[in-house]
Amino acid sequence: MLLLLVSCKKENANFTTESINDYFPLRVGKYITYDLDSTIYYLNFGTKAVEIHYEAQYRVDTQITDNTGRTAYNISRYLRSDSTQLWQIDNVFTAVLTGKSIEYIEDNNRFIKLMMPIKEGYSWKGNSYLSSYAYSMYSSSSNDFIKDWDYTYDSIGVPLTINSITIDSTLKVFEMDEKVGDPASQPNGYADKTYSVEKYGKGIGLIYREFLHWEYQPPSSQSPGYIGFGIKMSIKDHN
């Protein structure tokens, strides 16, 4: 019994974890600029319908208190086609500090972006607040493709260079990688693909995001073609 207690105390004493606030720092005036590529698929078009490139800047505008009394921050997103254009505000999001997690509200959808402890292989239900049909407009069926994901920490503390910016310590959050069927080799069968990953830089915040979901219905179906959307963001500047 004594040896067991000593062993447990030693293990607990040696386990330390970084703070999620280190990888999602929030302060009024902070900004991050990204290259942003957006892709949208539409049914009956058969291929990619729209692919647009933007520069996007996320600015922490104000500190607020949410309806449960927790500290939160409003983050405004500005877009422009390139550096010759003026920034235009596009949307406002909210990040909530809960003490053990970072919640992020985007278009009334609440995500748990980061969770304590930061430990290799640690996972949580990052989309547990979403309804089963949160993104039904991008789905050709009633299947729930997003709600039950397991977010998992992967590659903690890895140095990374993105767009000539070198980050000494990064954190990867693997979210989903799933594919069914292949329209190229099986055009008469159903197919879908979902992929999602995010990377965070210590002392910076989100440095890379890639999300893709599409579904393919064969020509024999009532609504043939592709439907879905994708987004890819990579950091190019920050303060």
C-alpha atoms as a PDB file:
ATOM      1  CA  MET A   1       0.000   0.000   0.000  1.00  0.00           C
ATOM      2  CA  LEU A   2       2.780   2.427   0.957  1.00  0.00           C
ATOM      3  CA  LEU A   3       4.763   1.671  -2.205  1.00  0.00           C
ATOM      4  CA  LEU A   4       1.640   2.200  -4.315  1.00  0.00           C
ATOM      5  CA  LEU A   5       0.938   5.582  -2.734  1.00  0.00           C
ATOM      6  CA  VAL A   6       4.542   6.720  -3.207  1.00  0.00           C
ATOM      7  CA  SER A   7       4.450   5.596  -6.852  1.00  0.00           C
ATOM      8  CA  CYS A   8       1.195   7.485  -7.543  1.00  0.00           C
ATOM      9  CA  LYS A   9       2.445  10.638  -5.850  1.00  0.00           C
ATOM     10  CA  LYS A  10       5.668  10.524  -7.870  1.00  0.00           C
ATOM     11  CA  GLU A  11       3.770  10.067 -11.157  1.00  0.00           C
ATOM     12  CA  ASN A  12       1.410  12.967 -10.395  1.00  0.00           C
ATOM     13  CA  ALA A  13       4.296  15.203  -9.361  1.00  0.00           C
ATOM     14  CA  ASN A  14       6.128  14.556 -12.637  1.00  0.00           C
ATOM     15  CA  PHE A  15       3.106  15.229 -14.871  1.00  0.00           C
ATOM     16  CA  THR A  16       2.887  18.826 -16.035  1.00  0.00           C
ATOM     17  CA  THR A  17       0.875  20.382 -18.838  1.00  0.00           C
ATOM     18  CA  GLU A  18       1.075  23.631 -20.725  1.00  0.00           C
ATOM     19  CA  SER A  19      -1.875  26.000 -20.574  1.00  0.00           C
ATOM     20  CA  ILE A  20      -4.302  26.095 -23.487  1.00  0.00           C
ATOM     21  CA  ASN A  21      -4.143  29.896 -23.136  1.00  0.00           C
ATOM     22  CA  ASP A  22      -0.543  29.677 -24.418  1.00  0.00           C
ATOM     23  CA  TYR A  23      -1.836  28.325 -27.730  1.00  0.00           C
ATOM     24  CA  PHE A  24      -4.933  30.523 -27.914  1.00  0.00           C
ATOM     25  CA  PRO A  25      -3.778  33.851 -26.436  1.00  0.00           C
ATOM     26  CA  LEU A  26      -6.514  36.455 -26.236  1.00  0.00           C
ATOM     27  CA  ARG A  27      -6.021  40.154 -25.653  1.00  0.00           C
ATOM     28  CA  VAL A  28      -7.735  43.202 -27.083  1.00  0.00           C
ATOM     29  CA  GLY A  29      -5.792  44.445 -30.098  1.00  0.00           C
ATOM     30  CA  LYS A  30      -4.298  41.106 -31.075  1.00  0.00           C
ATOM     31  CA  TYR A  31      -4.629  40.101 -34.724  1.00  0.00           C
ATOM     32  CA  ILE A  32      -3.606  37.284 -37.082  1.00  0.00           C
ATOM     33  CA  THR A  33      -3.652  37.578 -40.878  1.00  0.00           C
ATOM     34  CA  TYR A  34      -4.159  34.518 -43.082  1.00  0.00           C
ATOM     35  CA  ASP A  35      -4.204  33.381 -46.663  1.00  0.00           C
ATOM     36  CA  LEU A  36      -7.693  31.910 -46.990  1.00  0.00           C
ATOM     37  CA  ASP A  37      -8.977  29.657 -49.765  1.00  0.00           C
ATOM     38  CA  SER A  38     -12.680  28.859 -49.820  1.00  0.00           C
ATOM     39  CA  THR A  39     -14.320  26.138 -51.917  1.00  0.00           C
ATOM     40  CA  ILE A  40     -18.044  25.435 -52.330  1.00  0.00           C
ATOM     41  CA  TYR A  41     -19.616  22.485 -54.146  1.00  0.00           C
ATOM     42  CA  TYR A  42     -23.177  22.588 -55.462  1.00  0.00           C
ATOM     43  CA  LEU A  43     -25.457  19.700 -56.404  1.00  0.00           C
ATOM     44  CA  ASN A  44     -26.074  19.200 -60.116  1.00  0.00           C
ATOM     45  CA  PHE A  45     -22.883  21.015 -61.086  1.00  0.00           C
ATOM     46  CA  GLY A  46     -20.768  17.869 -60.813  1.00  0.00           C
ATOM     47  CA  THR A  47     -17.475  19.539 -59.906  1.00  0.00           C
ATOM     48  CA  LYS A  48     -16.139  22.433 -57.852  1.00  0.00           C
ATOM     49  CA  ALA A  49     -18.527  25.320 -58.373  1.00  0.00           C
ATOM     50  CA  VAL A  50     -16.704  28.139 -56.583  1.00  0.00           C
ATOM     51  CA  GLU A  51     -13.105  28.550 -55.429  1.00  0.00           C
ATOM     52  CA  ILE A  52     -12.141  31.946 -54.029  1.00  0.00           C
ATOM     53  CA  HIS A  53      -8.934  33.305 -52.482  1.00  0.00           C
ATOM     54  CA  TYR A  54      -8.969  35.969 -49.770  1.00  0.00           C
ATOM     55  CA  GLU A  55      -6.729  37.593 -47.251  1.00  0.00           C
ATOM     56  CA  ALA A  56      -8.418  37.326 -43.859  1.00  0.00           C
ATOM     57  CA  GLN A  57      -7.575  39.120 -40.642  1.00  0.00           C
ATOM     58  CA  TYR A  58      -8.986  38.095 -37.265  1.00  0.00           C
ATOM     59  CA  ARG A  59      -8.891  40.919 -34.704  1.00  0.00           C
ATOM     60  CA  VAL A  60      -9.664  40.611 -30.996  1.00  0.00           C
ATOM     61  CA  ASP A  61     -11.900  43.653 -30.530  1.00  0.00           C
ATOM     62  CA  THR A  62     -13.455  43.592 -27.078  1.00  0.00           C
ATOM     63  CA  GLN A  63     -13.457  41.666 -23.823  1.00  0.00           C
ATOM     64  CA  ILE A  64     -16.951  40.773 -22.670  1.00  0.00           C
ATOM     65  CA  THR A  65     -18.772  38.523 -20.201  1.00  0.00           C
ATOM     66  CA  ASP A  66     -21.021  35.805 -21.588  1.00  0.00           C
ATOM     67  CA  ASN A  67     -24.503  35.037 -20.218  1.00  0.00           C
ATOM     68  CA  THR A  68     -23.048  32.659 -17.598  1.00  0.00           C
ATOM     69  CA  GLY A  69     -20.504  35.185 -16.297  1.00  0.00           C
ATOM     70  CA  ARG A  70     -17.442  33.763 -18.036  1.00  0.00           C
ATOM     71  CA  THR A  71     -14.731  35.886 -19.623  1.00  0.00           C
ATOM     72  CA  ALA A  72     -15.072  36.028 -23.402  1.00  0.00           C
ATOM     73  CA  TYR A  73     -13.730  37.982 -26.371  1.00  0.00           C
ATOM     74  CA  ASN A  74     -15.362  39.198 -29.562  1.00  0.00           C
ATOM     75  CA  ILE A  75     -13.202  38.497 -32.620  1.00  0.00           C
ATOM     76  CA  SER A  76     -13.965  40.329 -35.868  1.00  0.00           C
ATOM     77  CA  ARG A  77     -13.023  38.858 -39.228  1.00  0.00           C
ATOM     78  CA  TYR A  78     -12.022  41.201 -42.041  1.00  0.00           C
ATOM     79  CA  LEU A  79     -11.616  40.119 -45.666  1.00  0.00           C
ATOM     80  CA  ARG A  80     -10.043  41.547 -48.789  1.00  0.00           C
ATOM     81  CA  SER A  81      -9.123  40.051 -52.151  1.00  0.00           C
ATOM     82  CA  ASP A  82      -5.487  41.197 -51.913  1.00  0.00           C
ATOM     83  CA  SER A  83      -3.240  43.781 -50.258  1.00  0.00           C
ATOM     84  CA  THR A  84      -4.288  46.531 -52.716  1.00  0.00           C
ATOM     85  CA  GLN A  85      -7.825  46.496 -51.302  1.00  0.00           C
ATOM     86  CA  LEU A  86      -9.251  47.865 -48.061  1.00  0.00           C
ATOM     87  CA  TRP A  87     -10.305  45.508 -45.274  1.00  0.00           C
ATOM     88  CA  GLN A  88     -14.056  44.885 -45.061  1.00  0.00           C
ATOM     89  CA  ILE A  89     -15.615  43.401 -41.942  1.00  0.00           C
ATOM     90  CA  ASP A  90     -17.243  40.061 -42.727  1.00  0.00           C
ATOM     91  CA  ASN A  91     -18.277  38.391 -39.464  1.00  0.00           C
ATOM     92  CA  VAL A  92     -17.901  38.453 -35.669  1.00  0.00           C
ATOM     93  CA  PHE A  93     -17.071  35.387 -33.581  1.00  0.00           C
ATOM     94  CA  THR A  94     -16.725  34.814 -29.836  1.00  0.00           C
ATOM     95  CA  ALA A  95     -14.068  32.925 -27.865  1.00  0.00           C
ATOM     96  CA  VAL A  96     -14.919  31.898 -24.280  1.00  0.00           C
ATOM     97  CA  LEU A  97     -12.376  31.028 -21.586  1.00  0.00           C
ATOM     98  CA  THR A  98     -13.798  28.340 -19.318  1.00  0.00           C
ATOM     99  CA  GLY A  99     -10.627  27.527 -17.381  1.00  0.00           C
ATOM    100  CA  LYS A 100     -10.357  24.017 -18.790  1.00  0.00           C
ATOM    101  CA  SER A 101     -11.275  24.677 -22.421  1.00  0.00           C
ATOM    102  CA  ILE A 102     -11.543  27.237 -25.201  1.00  0.00           C
ATOM    103  CA  GLU A 103     -15.031  27.480 -26.661  1.00  0.00           C
ATOM    104  CA  TYR A 104     -15.462  29.198 -30.003  1.00  0.00           C
ATOM    105  CA  ILE A 105     -18.826  30.395 -31.323  1.00  0.00           C
ATOM    106  CA  GLU A 106     -19.032  30.745 -35.091  1.00  0.00           C
ATOM    107  CA  ASP A 107     -22.361  31.449 -36.839  1.00  0.00           C
ATOM    108  CA  ASN A 108     -24.229  30.277 -33.696  1.00  0.00           C
ATOM    109  CA  ASN A 109     -22.292  26.995 -33.689  1.00  0.00           C
ATOM    110  CA  ARG A 110     -20.222  26.332 -30.547  1.00  0.00           C
ATOM    111  CA  PHE A 111     -16.975  24.349 -30.834  1.00  0.00           C
ATOM    112  CA  ILE A 112     -14.586  23.209 -28.085  1.00  0.00           C
ATOM    113  CA  LYS A 113     -11.332  24.107 -29.835  1.00  0.00           C
ATOM    114  CA  LEU A 114      -8.824  23.235 -27.096  1.00  0.00           C
ATOM    115  CA  MET A 115      -9.134  21.241 -23.879  1.00  0.00           C
ATOM    116  CA  MET A 116      -6.961  20.604 -20.850  1.00  0.00           C
ATOM    117  CA  PRO A 117      -4.685  18.753 -20.390  1.00  0.00           C
ATOM    118  CA  ILE A 118      -2.363  19.256 -23.366  1.00  0.00           C
ATOM    119  CA  LYS A 119      -1.130  15.694 -23.679  1.00  0.00           C
ATOM    120  CA  GLU A 120      -0.240  13.553 -26.688  1.00  0.00           C
ATOM    121  CA  GLY A 121      -3.233  11.436 -27.659  1.00  0.00           C
ATOM    122  CA  TYR A 122      -5.699  13.223 -25.365  1.00  0.00           C
ATOM    123  CA  SER A 123      -9.100  13.514 -27.056  1.00  0.00           C
ATOM    124  CA  TRP A 124     -12.486  15.142 -26.474  1.00  0.00           C
ATOM    125  CA  LYS A 125     -15.794  15.662 -28.291  1.00  0.00           C
ATOM    126  CA  GLY A 126     -15.036  19.021 -29.865  1.00  0.00           C
ATOM    127  CA  ASN A 127     -18.370  19.290 -31.710  1.00  0.00           C
ATOM    128  CA  SER A 128     -20.587  18.027 -28.894  1.00  0.00           C
ATOM    129  CA  TYR A 129     -22.556  21.304 -28.732  1.00  0.00           C
ATOM    130  CA  LEU A 130     -23.528  21.128 -32.414  1.00  0.00           C
ATOM    131  CA  SER A 131     -26.920  19.917 -33.544  1.00  0.00           C
ATOM    132  CA  SER A 132     -27.040  16.892 -35.838  1.00  0.00           C
ATOM    133  CA  TYR A 133     -27.999  19.178 -38.716  1.00  0.00           C
ATOM    134  CA  ALA A 134     -25.673  22.121 -38.074  1.00  0.00           C
ATOM    135  CA  TYR A 135     -24.355  21.955 -41.644  1.00  0.00           C
ATOM    136  CA  SER A 136     -27.299  20.250 -43.345  1.00  0.00           C
ATOM    137  CA  MET A 137     -27.201  22.776 -46.199  1.00  0.00           C
ATOM    138  CA  TYR A 138     -23.935  21.150 -47.279  1.00  0.00           C
ATOM    139  CA  SER A 139     -25.223  17.603 -47.018  1.00  0.00           C
ATOM    140  CA  SER A 140     -27.335  15.760 -49.582  1.00  0.00           C
ATOM    141  CA  SER A 141     -28.682  13.374 -46.951  1.00  0.00           C
ATOM    142  CA  SER A 142     -29.782  13.479 -43.311  1.00  0.00           C
ATOM    143  CA  ASN A 143     -26.556  11.820 -42.174  1.00  0.00           C
ATOM    144  CA  ASP A 144     -24.825  13.511 -39.274  1.00  0.00           C
ATOM    145  CA  PHE A 145     -21.269  13.958 -40.524  1.00  0.00           C
ATOM    146  CA  ILE A 146     -19.900  16.413 -37.964  1.00  0.00           C
ATOM    147  CA  LYS A 147     -21.322  16.035 -34.452  1.00  0.00           C
ATOM    148  CA  ASP A 148     -19.524  13.002 -33.000  1.00  0.00           C
ATOM    149  CA  TRP A 149     -15.900  13.845 -33.845  1.00  0.00           C
ATOM    150  CA  ASP A 150     -13.009  13.035 -31.509  1.00  0.00           C
ATOM    151  CA  TYR A 151     -10.559  15.942 -31.416  1.00  0.00           C
ATOM    152  CA  THR A 152      -7.100  14.561 -30.562  1.00  0.00           C
ATOM    153  CA  TYR A 153      -3.799  16.232 -29.671  1.00  0.00           C
ATOM    154  CA  ASP A 154      -1.041  15.216 -32.059  1.00  0.00           C
ATOM    155  CA  SER A 155       2.552  16.443 -32.576  1.00  0.00           C
ATOM    156  CA  ILE A 156       2.915  18.628 -29.471  1.00  0.00           C
ATOM    157  CA  GLY A 157       5.813  21.086 -29.307  1.00  0.00           C
ATOM    158  CA  VAL A 158       6.861  20.608 -32.940  1.00  0.00           C
ATOM    159  CA  PRO A 159       8.587  23.556 -34.721  1.00  0.00           C
ATOM    160  CA  LEU A 160       6.940  24.566 -37.977  1.00  0.00           C
ATOM    161  CA  THR A 161       7.446  27.116 -40.767  1.00  0.00           C
ATOM    162  CA  ILE A 162       4.403  28.466 -42.630  1.00  0.00           C
ATOM    163  CA  ASN A 163       4.647  31.209 -45.269  1.00  0.00           C
ATOM    164  CA  SER A 164       8.217  32.014 -44.121  1.00  0.00           C
ATOM    165  CA  ILE A 165       7.048  32.396 -40.501  1.00  0.00           C
ATOM    166  CA  THR A 166       8.913  30.046 -38.155  1.00  0.00           C
ATOM    167  CA  ILE A 167       7.055  28.976 -35.011  1.00  0.00           C
ATOM    168  CA  ASP A 168       9.192  27.301 -32.349  1.00  0.00           C
ATOM    169  CA  SER A 169       6.428  25.252 -30.732  1.00  0.00           C
ATOM    170  CA  THR A 170       3.186  24.129 -32.379  1.00  0.00           C
ATOM    171  CA  LEU A 171       0.254  21.940 -31.453  1.00  0.00           C
ATOM    172  CA  LYS A 172      -1.779  19.874 -33.921  1.00  0.00           C
ATOM    173  CA  VAL A 173      -5.423  19.020 -33.279  1.00  0.00           C
ATOM    174  CA  PHE A 174      -6.526  16.142 -35.494  1.00  0.00           C
ATOM    175  CA  GLU A 175     -10.296  16.196 -35.933  1.00  0.00           C
ATOM    176  CA  MET A 176     -11.435  13.897 -38.774  1.00  0.00           C
ATOM    177  CA  ASP A 177     -10.174  11.995 -41.825  1.00  0.00           C
ATOM    178  CA  GLU A 178     -12.755   9.771 -43.458  1.00  0.00           C
ATOM    179  CA  LYS A 179     -13.541   8.779 -47.033  1.00  0.00           C
ATOM    180  CA  VAL A 180     -16.172   6.513 -48.585  1.00  0.00           C
ATOM    181  CA  GLY A 181     -16.111   5.529 -52.254  1.00  0.00           C
ATOM    182  CA  ASP A 182     -14.315   7.178 -55.180  1.00  0.00           C
ATOM    183  CA  PRO A 183     -16.258   9.012 -57.926  1.00  0.00           C
ATOM    184  CA  ALA A 184     -13.288   8.758 -60.290  1.00  0.00           C
ATOM    185  CA  SER A 185     -13.255   4.943 -60.281  1.00  0.00           C
ATOM    186  CA  GLN A 186     -16.868   4.315 -59.205  1.00  0.00           C
ATOM    187  CA  PRO A 187     -18.997   7.095 -60.776  1.00  0.00           C
ATOM    188  CA  ASN A 188     -22.227   5.137 -60.287  1.00  0.00           C
ATOM    189  CA  GLY A 189     -21.856   4.833 -56.518  1.00  0.00           C
ATOM    190  CA  TYR A 190     -22.249   7.177 -53.565  1.00  0.00           C
ATOM    191  CA  ALA A 191     -19.069   8.772 -52.152  1.00  0.00           C
ATOM    192  CA  ASP A 192     -18.087  11.301 -49.497  1.00  0.00           C
ATOM    193  CA  LYS A 193     -14.962  12.747 -47.917  1.00  0.00           C
ATOM    194  CA  THR A 194     -14.432  14.634 -44.654  1.00  0.00           C
ATOM    195  CA  TYR A 195     -11.089  15.969 -43.446  1.00  0.00           C
ATOM    196  CA  SER A 196     -10.367  18.455 -40.684  1.00  0.00           C
ATOM    197  CA  VAL A 197      -7.206  19.520 -38.840  1.00  0.00           C
ATOM    198  CA  GLU A 198      -6.039  22.636 -36.986  1.00  0.00           C
ATOM    199  CA  LYS A 199      -2.598  23.757 -35.827  1.00  0.00           C
ATOM    200  CA  TYR A 200      -1.769  26.294 -33.129  1.00  0.00           C
ATOM    201  CA  GLY A 201       1.437  28.192 -32.432  1.00  0.00           C
ATOM    202  CA  LYS A 202       2.561  28.836 -28.883  1.00  0.00           C
ATOM    203  CA  GLY A 203       2.160  32.514 -28.063  1.00  0.00           C
ATOM    204  CA  ILE A 204       0.362  33.108 -31.388  1.00  0.00           C
ATOM    205  CA  GLY A 205      -2.879  31.146 -31.746  1.00  0.00           C
ATOM    206  CA  LEU A 206      -4.345  29.393 -34.783  1.00  0.00           C
ATOM    207  CA  ILE A 207      -1.696  29.174 -37.505  1.00  0.00           C
ATOM    208  CA  TYR A 208      -3.260  26.640 -39.896  1.00  0.00           C
ATOM    209  CA  ARG A 209      -6.705  25.242 -40.547  1.00  0.00           C
ATOM    210  CA  GLU A 210      -7.910  22.826 -43.191  1.00  0.00           C
ATOM    211  CA  PHE A 211     -11.483  21.601 -43.472  1.00  0.00           C
ATOM    212  CA  LEU A 212     -13.149  19.751 -46.345  1.00  0.00           C
ATOM    213  CA  HIS A 213     -16.480  17.974 -46.649  1.00  0.00           C
ATOM    214  CA  TRP A 214     -18.155  16.835 -49.837  1.00  0.00           C
ATOM    215  CA  GLU A 215     -20.734  14.267 -50.814  1.00  0.00           C
ATOM    216  CA  TYR A 216     -21.245  12.785 -54.264  1.00  0.00           C
ATOM    217  CA  GLN A 217     -24.518  11.391 -55.584  1.00  0.00           C
ATOM    218  CA  PRO A 218     -24.377   9.259 -58.765  1.00  0.00           C
ATOM    219  CA  PRO A 219     -26.211  10.188 -62.010  1.00  0.00           C
ATOM    220  CA  SER A 220     -29.026   7.753 -61.205  1.00  0.00           C
ATOM    221  CA  SER A 221     -29.974   9.615 -57.990  1.00  0.00           C
ATOM    222  CA  GLN A 222     -32.597  12.346 -57.683  1.00  0.00           C
ATOM    223  CA  SER A 223     -29.896  14.986 -57.011  1.00  0.00           C
ATOM    224  CA  PRO A 224     -26.728  13.940 -58.844  1.00  0.00           C
ATOM    225  CA  GLY A 225     -23.385  15.659 -58.410  1.00  0.00           C
ATOM    226  CA  TYR A 226     -21.369  17.117 -55.531  1.00  0.00           C
ATOM    227  CA  ILE A 227     -22.368  19.162 -52.509  1.00  0.00           C
ATOM    228  CA  GLY A 228     -20.135  20.447 -49.711  1.00  0.00           C
ATOM    229  CA  PHE A 229     -17.562  23.065 -48.792  1.00  0.00           C
ATOM    230  CA  GLY A 230     -13.951  23.498 -47.796  1.00  0.00           C
ATOM    231  CA  ILE A 231     -11.653  26.082 -46.244  1.00  0.00           C
ATOM    232  CA  LYS A 232      -7.906  26.364 -45.907  1.00  0.00           C
ATOM    233  CA  MET A 233      -6.172  29.019 -43.789  1.00  0.00           C
ATOM    234  CA  SER A 234      -2.445  29.600 -43.264  1.00  0.00           C
ATOM    235  CA  ILE A 235      -0.863  32.358 -41.190  1.00  0.00           C
ATOM    236  CA  LYS A 236       1.025  35.129 -42.981  1.00  0.00           C
ATOM    237  CA  ASP A 237       1.289  37.849 -40.289  1.00  0.00           C
ATOM    238  CA  HIS A 238       0.513  38.473 -36.609  1.00  0.00           C
ATOM    239  CA  ASN A 239       1.306  40.746 -33.684  1.00  0.00           C
END
